[in-house]
Amino acid sequence: MKDIQSIINKAEILIEALPYIQRLAGKTVVIKYGGNAMINEDLKTDVMEDVTLLKYIGINPVLVHGGGPDINAMLKRLDIPSEFRKGLRVTDSETMSVAQMVLIGKTNKEIVSRLGQLGAKAIGISGIDGGLIECEKITADESGEPLDIGFVGKITHINTKVLETLANDEYIPVVAPIGIGADGQTYNINADTVASEIAAALQAEKLMTLTDVEGVMAKNDAGELQVIPVLNEAEIHDLIERDVISGGMIPKVMGCLDTVRRGVGRAHIIDGRIPHCLLLEIFTNKGIGTMITLERRPYYNGEKI
């Protein structure tokens, strides 16, 4: 009887996922893959399984990856110093060559290979391919102050046709965050920025950002910290004013808010350290992270958001 109940519980989980599968069928989900989920071998497998499942049930995932640890390791091997300013890697011509080699030639192809082992048809591309990511050199910081950090790019255009051709067919695009300028110069770009810009350009249904934090946290009535499952625009501004959202979480949340303002249905900040984090966030009513939306509009009658 115990075994039967276990099977029934699994069936109930599948039924809970049904309205989300129906709502997302044929829609695009952009996934920013980074953090510990790119380092831990078990978590790597979990994420690739999740992405493969999404494709097989009719959702169109687009995977954008980082690669900081791989770049750092290669720079260290080559005895090239690493420097960061304003949270961005200072990228001279030597560092740019290493970043391009590692992101496109190593990290990207390893992800494609893992997806292929699971039966998915993944194609690794970068912003260079088909002029996917057009950009220009960053010359100022967010406050307008002059900033020279080398070959670090600011996105000016996303060629959506490249991604739509692949994602709307049987393929999973895996995107390395390297862009190209009008003069043919390649640029290193922050992977979070690339994912957000791609999601907005594609008018994706969801942007999923894998991080090493649980989500936006706040104290409950008992004084215990817990994840806030859903936030809309007004709530975000209120929590920032009350210093509930602070520090490094502010740019993460505001980046997600900017994305949904530009037409993405929902943006999610989730803990990539949790096994099968994508499935748990997308296909369960409770979820595991923080979902950001302009207004609370349920996918189906009875969804609690």
Protein backbone atom coordinates (compact mmCIF):
# COMPACT_ATOMS: atom_id res chain seq x y z
CA MET A 1 0.00 0.00 0.00
CA LYS A 2 2.93 2.28 0.82
CA ASP A 3 4.37 1.75 -2.67
CA ILE A 4 0.99 2.54 -4.24
CA GLN A 5 0.77 5.79 -2.29
CA SER A 6 4.24 6.76 -3.50
CA ILE A 7 3.16 6.21 -7.09
CA ILE A 8 -0.04 8.22 -6.51
CA ASN A 9 2.05 11.08 -5.11
CA LYS A 10 4.14 11.09 -8.27
CA ALA A 11 0.99 11.19 -10.38
CA GLU A 12 -0.26 14.18 -8.38
CA ILE A 13 2.99 16.01 -9.12
CA LEU A 14 2.49 15.40 -12.83
CA ILE A 15 -1.07 16.67 -12.65
CA GLU A 16 0.12 19.81 -10.85
CA ALA A 17 2.49 20.40 -13.77
CA LEU A 18 -0.22 19.95 -16.42
CA PRO A 19 -1.60 23.54 -16.56
CA TYR A 20 1.93 24.93 -16.76
CA ILE A 21 2.82 22.56 -19.57
CA GLN A 22 -0.34 23.63 -21.42
CA ARG A 23 0.36 27.33 -20.84
CA LEU A 24 4.00 27.13 -21.90
CA ALA A 25 3.65 24.82 -24.92
CA GLY A 26 5.36 26.45 -27.89
CA LYS A 27 6.63 29.35 -25.74
CA THR A 28 10.24 30.43 -25.28
CA VAL A 29 12.02 30.17 -21.93
CA VAL A 30 15.44 31.83 -21.66
CA ILE A 31 17.71 30.31 -19.02
CA LYS A 32 20.79 32.04 -17.63
CA TYR A 33 23.04 29.19 -16.51
CA GLY A 34 25.76 30.07 -14.02
CA GLY A 35 26.94 29.89 -10.44
CA ASN A 36 27.50 26.64 -8.57
CA ALA A 37 25.25 24.78 -11.02
CA MET A 38 28.08 25.12 -13.55
CA ILE A 39 30.71 23.75 -11.15
CA ASN A 40 29.09 20.84 -9.29
CA GLU A 41 28.95 17.75 -11.51
CA ASP A 42 25.65 16.44 -10.14
CA LEU A 43 23.98 19.84 -10.54
CA LYS A 44 25.31 20.12 -14.09
CA THR A 45 23.50 16.89 -14.93
CA ASP A 46 20.31 18.02 -13.18
CA VAL A 47 20.16 21.28 -15.16
CA MET A 48 20.82 19.54 -18.47
CA GLU A 49 18.09 16.99 -17.69
CA ASP A 50 15.67 19.81 -16.90
CA VAL A 51 16.47 21.67 -20.13
CA THR A 52 16.13 18.48 -22.18
CA LEU A 53 12.75 17.70 -20.61
CA LEU A 54 11.51 21.22 -21.39
CA LYS A 55 12.30 20.70 -25.06
CA TYR A 56 10.71 17.27 -25.23
CA ILE A 57 7.38 18.49 -23.81
CA GLY A 58 7.08 21.30 -26.34
CA ILE A 59 8.72 24.28 -24.64
CA ASN A 60 11.54 26.13 -26.44
CA PRO A 61 14.49 26.68 -24.08
CA VAL A 62 17.33 29.05 -24.97
CA LEU A 63 20.34 28.54 -22.71
CA VAL A 64 22.77 31.41 -22.07
CA HIS A 65 25.83 30.47 -20.04
CA GLY A 66 28.57 32.21 -18.14
CA GLY A 67 32.03 30.81 -17.64
CA GLY A 68 33.91 32.90 -15.13
CA PRO A 69 35.51 29.96 -13.25
CA ASP A 70 36.76 28.40 -16.51
CA ILE A 71 38.20 31.75 -17.65
CA ASN A 72 39.83 32.34 -14.27
CA ALA A 73 41.42 28.87 -14.35
CA MET A 74 42.85 29.40 -17.83
CA LEU A 75 44.14 32.90 -17.01
CA LYS A 76 45.85 31.48 -13.94
CA ARG A 77 47.46 28.71 -15.99
CA LEU A 78 48.76 31.30 -18.46
CA ASP A 79 49.90 33.58 -15.62
CA ILE A 80 47.64 36.42 -16.79
CA PRO A 81 46.29 38.57 -13.92
CA SER A 82 42.53 39.03 -13.44
CA GLU A 83 41.02 42.39 -12.55
CA PHE A 84 37.41 43.50 -12.04
CA ARG A 85 35.93 46.99 -12.02
CA LYS A 86 32.28 47.81 -11.37
CA GLY A 87 31.64 44.05 -11.28
CA LEU A 88 32.96 43.55 -14.84
CA ARG A 89 36.15 41.80 -15.94
CA VAL A 90 38.83 44.12 -17.30
CA THR A 91 39.44 42.61 -20.73
CA ASP A 92 42.59 43.55 -22.64
CA SER A 93 43.37 41.90 -25.97
CA GLU A 94 45.13 38.97 -24.31
CA THR A 95 42.30 38.36 -21.86
CA MET A 96 39.76 38.71 -24.67
CA SER A 97 41.49 35.96 -26.63
CA VAL A 98 41.39 33.68 -23.60
CA ALA A 99 37.74 34.48 -22.81
CA GLN A 100 36.70 33.81 -26.39
CA MET A 101 38.66 30.57 -26.55
CA VAL A 102 37.31 29.28 -23.23
CA LEU A 103 33.67 30.38 -23.55
CA ILE A 104 33.19 29.27 -27.15
CA GLY A 105 35.68 26.42 -27.45
CA LYS A 106 35.39 24.79 -24.03
CA THR A 107 32.43 25.81 -21.85
CA ASN A 108 29.91 26.07 -24.68
CA LYS A 109 30.84 22.77 -26.27
CA GLU A 110 30.82 20.90 -22.97
CA ILE A 111 27.22 22.03 -22.40
CA VAL A 112 26.23 21.01 -25.93
CA SER A 113 27.87 17.62 -25.40
CA ARG A 114 26.03 17.02 -22.11
CA LEU A 115 22.69 17.88 -23.70
CA GLY A 116 23.49 15.59 -26.61
CA GLN A 117 24.18 12.69 -24.26
CA LEU A 118 20.64 13.11 -22.93
CA GLY A 119 19.12 12.98 -26.41
CA ALA A 120 18.69 16.71 -26.97
CA LYS A 121 19.74 18.38 -30.22
CA ALA A 122 21.73 21.35 -28.96
CA ILE A 123 23.67 23.80 -31.09
CA GLY A 124 26.36 25.96 -29.55
CA ILE A 125 26.66 29.49 -30.86
CA SER A 126 28.07 32.81 -29.76
CA GLY A 127 27.10 36.37 -30.53
CA ILE A 128 29.55 36.28 -33.43
CA ASP A 129 27.54 33.66 -35.32
CA GLY A 130 25.09 35.22 -37.74
CA GLY A 131 25.63 38.57 -36.08
CA LEU A 132 23.53 37.28 -33.19
CA ILE A 133 24.76 39.86 -30.64
CA GLU A 134 25.79 43.23 -32.00
CA CYS A 135 27.54 45.45 -29.51
CA GLU A 136 29.86 48.37 -28.93
CA LYS A 137 32.57 49.06 -26.40
CA ILE A 138 31.47 50.16 -22.93
CA THR A 139 32.86 53.66 -22.35
CA ALA A 140 30.90 54.77 -19.26
CA ASP A 141 29.44 53.24 -16.10
CA GLU A 142 25.76 53.31 -15.13
CA SER A 143 26.11 56.81 -13.69
CA GLY A 144 27.66 58.16 -16.88
CA GLU A 145 31.19 58.38 -15.52
CA PRO A 146 33.95 57.46 -18.03
CA LEU A 147 34.96 53.81 -17.79
CA ASP A 148 37.58 51.92 -19.80
CA ILE A 149 37.70 48.21 -19.05
CA GLY A 150 38.94 47.07 -22.44
CA PHE A 151 36.97 44.85 -24.78
CA VAL A 152 33.77 44.65 -22.76
CA GLY A 153 30.65 45.15 -24.82
CA LYS A 154 27.33 46.93 -24.53
CA ILE A 155 24.60 45.21 -26.55
CA THR A 156 23.04 47.30 -29.31
CA HIS A 157 21.00 44.64 -31.15
CA ILE A 158 19.96 40.98 -30.92
CA ASN A 159 19.38 39.18 -34.22
CA THR A 160 16.38 37.15 -33.12
CA LYS A 161 16.06 35.28 -36.44
CA VAL A 162 19.12 33.19 -35.60
CA LEU A 163 17.60 32.01 -32.31
CA GLU A 164 14.04 31.68 -33.58
CA THR A 165 15.16 29.50 -36.47
CA LEU A 166 16.84 27.09 -34.08
CA ALA A 167 14.50 27.22 -31.06
CA ASN A 168 11.28 26.95 -33.07
CA ASP A 169 12.67 23.84 -34.72
CA GLU A 170 14.03 20.82 -32.84
CA TYR A 171 17.17 22.48 -31.51
CA ILE A 172 18.25 24.03 -28.21
CA PRO A 173 20.44 27.11 -28.77
CA VAL A 174 23.32 27.33 -26.28
CA VAL A 175 24.68 30.87 -26.33
CA ALA A 176 28.17 31.99 -25.27
CA PRO A 177 28.24 35.64 -24.14
CA ILE A 178 30.62 37.00 -26.78
CA GLY A 179 29.41 39.83 -29.03
CA ILE A 180 30.74 41.51 -32.13
CA GLY A 181 31.15 45.16 -33.06
CA ALA A 182 30.55 46.86 -36.39
CA ASP A 183 34.31 46.71 -37.08
CA GLY A 184 34.51 42.96 -36.44
CA GLN A 185 36.03 43.34 -32.97
CA THR A 186 34.79 40.76 -30.48
CA TYR A 187 33.68 41.75 -26.97
CA ASN A 188 33.17 39.99 -23.68
CA ILE A 189 29.66 40.60 -22.28
CA ASN A 190 28.12 39.87 -18.88
CA ALA A 191 26.05 36.70 -19.23
CA ASP A 192 23.18 38.07 -17.13
CA THR A 193 22.94 41.00 -19.53
CA VAL A 194 22.99 38.72 -22.57
CA ALA A 195 20.19 36.54 -21.14
CA SER A 196 18.04 39.56 -20.30
CA GLU A 197 18.51 41.15 -23.72
CA ILE A 198 17.78 37.89 -25.53
CA ALA A 199 14.66 37.30 -23.42
CA ALA A 200 13.37 40.81 -24.18
CA ALA A 201 14.19 40.57 -27.89
CA LEU A 202 12.41 37.22 -28.20
CA GLN A 203 9.51 38.37 -26.00
CA ALA A 204 10.07 35.19 -24.05
CA GLU A 205 7.44 33.85 -21.69
CA LYS A 206 10.04 33.39 -18.95
CA LEU A 207 13.56 34.40 -17.98
CA MET A 208 15.10 31.97 -15.49
CA THR A 209 18.25 33.16 -13.71
CA LEU A 210 20.18 30.48 -11.84
CA THR A 211 22.10 31.96 -8.90
CA ASP A 212 23.79 30.90 -5.68
CA VAL A 213 21.09 32.52 -3.53
CA GLU A 214 17.64 31.24 -2.61
CA GLY A 215 15.82 34.29 -3.97
CA VAL A 216 14.58 37.51 -2.38
CA MET A 217 14.43 36.96 1.37
CA ALA A 218 12.36 38.64 4.09
CA LYS A 219 11.49 37.90 7.71
CA ASN A 220 8.13 36.30 8.45
CA ASP A 221 5.97 36.97 11.52
CA ALA A 222 8.18 34.65 13.56
CA GLY A 223 11.29 36.62 12.62
CA GLU A 224 12.63 33.87 10.38
CA LEU A 225 14.03 34.58 6.94
CA GLN A 226 12.11 33.00 4.08
CA VAL A 227 11.92 33.33 0.32
CA ILE A 228 9.34 35.74 -1.11
CA PRO A 229 7.73 33.64 -3.87
CA VAL A 230 6.21 36.47 -5.96
CA LEU A 231 6.93 40.19 -6.34
CA ASN A 232 5.29 42.78 -8.56
CA GLU A 233 6.63 46.19 -9.46
CA ALA A 234 5.00 48.13 -6.61
CA GLU A 235 6.13 45.58 -4.03
CA ILE A 236 9.72 45.72 -5.28
CA HIS A 237 9.95 49.49 -4.87
CA ASP A 238 8.43 49.24 -1.40
CA LEU A 239 10.91 46.56 -0.28
CA ILE A 240 13.87 48.54 -1.61
CA GLU A 241 12.70 51.64 0.27
CA ARG A 242 12.38 49.58 3.46
CA ASP A 243 15.86 48.08 2.89
CA VAL A 244 14.45 44.53 2.71
CA ILE A 245 15.94 44.26 -0.77
CA SER A 246 19.48 45.62 -0.50
CA GLY A 247 23.06 45.23 -1.67
CA GLY A 248 23.74 42.93 -4.59
CA MET A 249 20.13 41.77 -4.73
CA ILE A 250 18.97 45.20 -5.94
CA PRO A 251 20.57 44.97 -9.42
CA LYS A 252 19.36 41.36 -9.80
CA VAL A 253 15.76 42.31 -9.00
CA MET A 254 15.81 45.54 -11.01
CA GLY A 255 17.29 43.69 -13.99
CA CYS A 256 14.41 41.20 -13.83
CA LEU A 257 11.90 44.03 -13.47
CA ASP A 258 13.34 45.79 -16.50
CA THR A 259 12.99 42.57 -18.48
CA VAL A 260 9.30 42.12 -17.67
CA ARG A 261 8.69 45.80 -18.40
CA ARG A 262 10.01 45.08 -21.88
CA GLY A 263 7.54 42.28 -22.56
CA VAL A 264 8.85 39.12 -20.90
CA GLY A 265 5.99 37.38 -19.09
CA ARG A 266 7.72 36.40 -15.86
CA ALA A 267 11.30 36.55 -14.57
CA HIS A 268 12.60 34.18 -11.91
CA ILE A 269 15.56 34.29 -9.54
CA ILE A 270 16.19 30.72 -8.41
CA ASP A 271 18.76 28.77 -6.45
CA GLY A 272 20.81 26.72 -8.89
CA ARG A 273 22.22 24.71 -5.99
CA ILE A 274 18.89 22.89 -5.62
CA PRO A 275 18.62 19.72 -7.74
CA HIS A 276 16.20 20.11 -10.68
CA CYS A 277 15.63 23.75 -9.76
CA LEU A 278 14.15 24.60 -13.17
CA LEU A 279 11.41 21.97 -12.98
CA LEU A 280 10.58 22.85 -9.39
CA GLU A 281 10.17 26.53 -10.20
CA ILE A 282 8.37 26.21 -13.54
CA PHE A 283 5.99 23.33 -12.88
CA THR A 284 4.95 23.69 -9.24
CA ASN A 285 2.55 26.24 -7.82
CA LYS A 286 4.73 27.05 -4.83
CA GLY A 287 8.06 27.14 -6.69
CA ILE A 288 11.45 27.47 -5.00
CA GLY A 289 12.62 31.00 -5.80
CA THR A 290 11.28 34.49 -6.42
CA MET A 291 9.12 35.24 -9.45
CA ILE A 292 8.96 38.84 -10.66
CA THR A 293 6.02 40.09 -12.70
CA LEU A 294 4.44 43.44 -13.48
CA GLU A 295 1.16 42.38 -11.97
CA ARG A 296 -0.23 39.24 -10.39
CA ARG A 297 -1.99 37.46 -13.24
CA PRO A 298 -2.47 33.73 -12.76
CA TYR A 299 -1.82 31.29 -15.60
CA TYR A 300 -4.96 29.35 -14.71
CA ASN A 301 -7.91 29.52 -12.34
CA GLY A 302 -6.67 28.52 -8.94
CA GLU A 303 -3.01 29.40 -9.37
CA LYS A 304 -1.89 31.14 -6.19
CA ILE A 305 0.44 34.05 -6.92
